[in-house]
Amino acid sequence: MARVAPSSSTKALYFLCILLGAILLYVDITYKSFDTIKNTYISTTISTKFLFKKITIDPFIYLYELSSSKSQLINKNRNLQAALDKSYLENFIVSRGDKFFMDDEAIIALMSKYEIDQIFHASKIKLFDTTKYFCCDTHIMYIDVISSSDINFTGSAVINSEGILGQVISDNGVKEVLLLTDTSHYIPLETEGYFCNAKGSGRPGIISCTYSSLIWTNPVSNGQKIYSSGLGGIYPRGIPIGYVQGITNIDETNIKIDIKLITNPLKVSMLGIIENQ
């Protein structure tokens, strides 16, 4: 097949395009006439890329960073809360201002028996069925000692930063704690020289105790403070337990009092176990 040679008009058009391009290039270099167009093109390209990245990529990066930051903040908050709870626990035992004991003699007796860092073993809640706590008679929680220990804590008192919670009834690694409010739990109490054996009521925050007016001749009044008596060998003497919230006459001589506990097992997760010596 013969090659078609360009015609004169095609050659003229070709040279005209070259000449026009050369003129435009000269004008652009000399007078910067097309800078505005070029800058507009560049800025439009950059803006488009930025907008595309903002819409498609940045949301995923933001969600990832937000998730990571939130997780780190939660972990830091948990660590700080645990350290704060432990500090409250230590201050609760040794500080007179917190009135952990009824009088100075009680804390002096305990301090003389133990080194300060051996009074209690820091622990945390592992399992607590709050549904049973609010609906049923069985009030049990399970706790772990934070530091490793070969001690069997069965029979030891368990406290939080407010006061006594209950006692360890089983120690198979995880400690089973019977709370004061469990209906099978009893704790010897005293108030103004009188003693009674208080029983868990099965209600959150309430224990009850019955006494004879023939023995306690002075009447008990609402708001009267109740303390641990130290009898039974489980709980130290002189620790505030609660205050009288209700008084019921069972018959002519026997009177039942409801005691509102000052401790709440739902308030903090950091606990302490006092060794039963």
Foldseek 3Di string as FASTA:
>chain_A
DDDDDDDPVVVVVVVVVVVVVVVVVVCCVPVVPCVVVVVVVVVVVVVVVVVVCVPPPVVVVVVVVVVVVVVVVVVVVVVVQQVVQVVLQLCLLPPVVNCQFQDPVLSVVLCVVDPSVQQWFKKFWDDFDVVQLAPHLFGKTKIAGPDDDPDWQALWWKFGSFYTFAGFNGPPRITIGGGQQRQVDWFWKDFPHDIFIWGHPSHFQKIKTKDWCVVVVDDFDFFGWMWGCCPPQHDGGGGTFFTWHDWDDPDDTMIMTMGGGRDGPPPGGMMIIGGRD
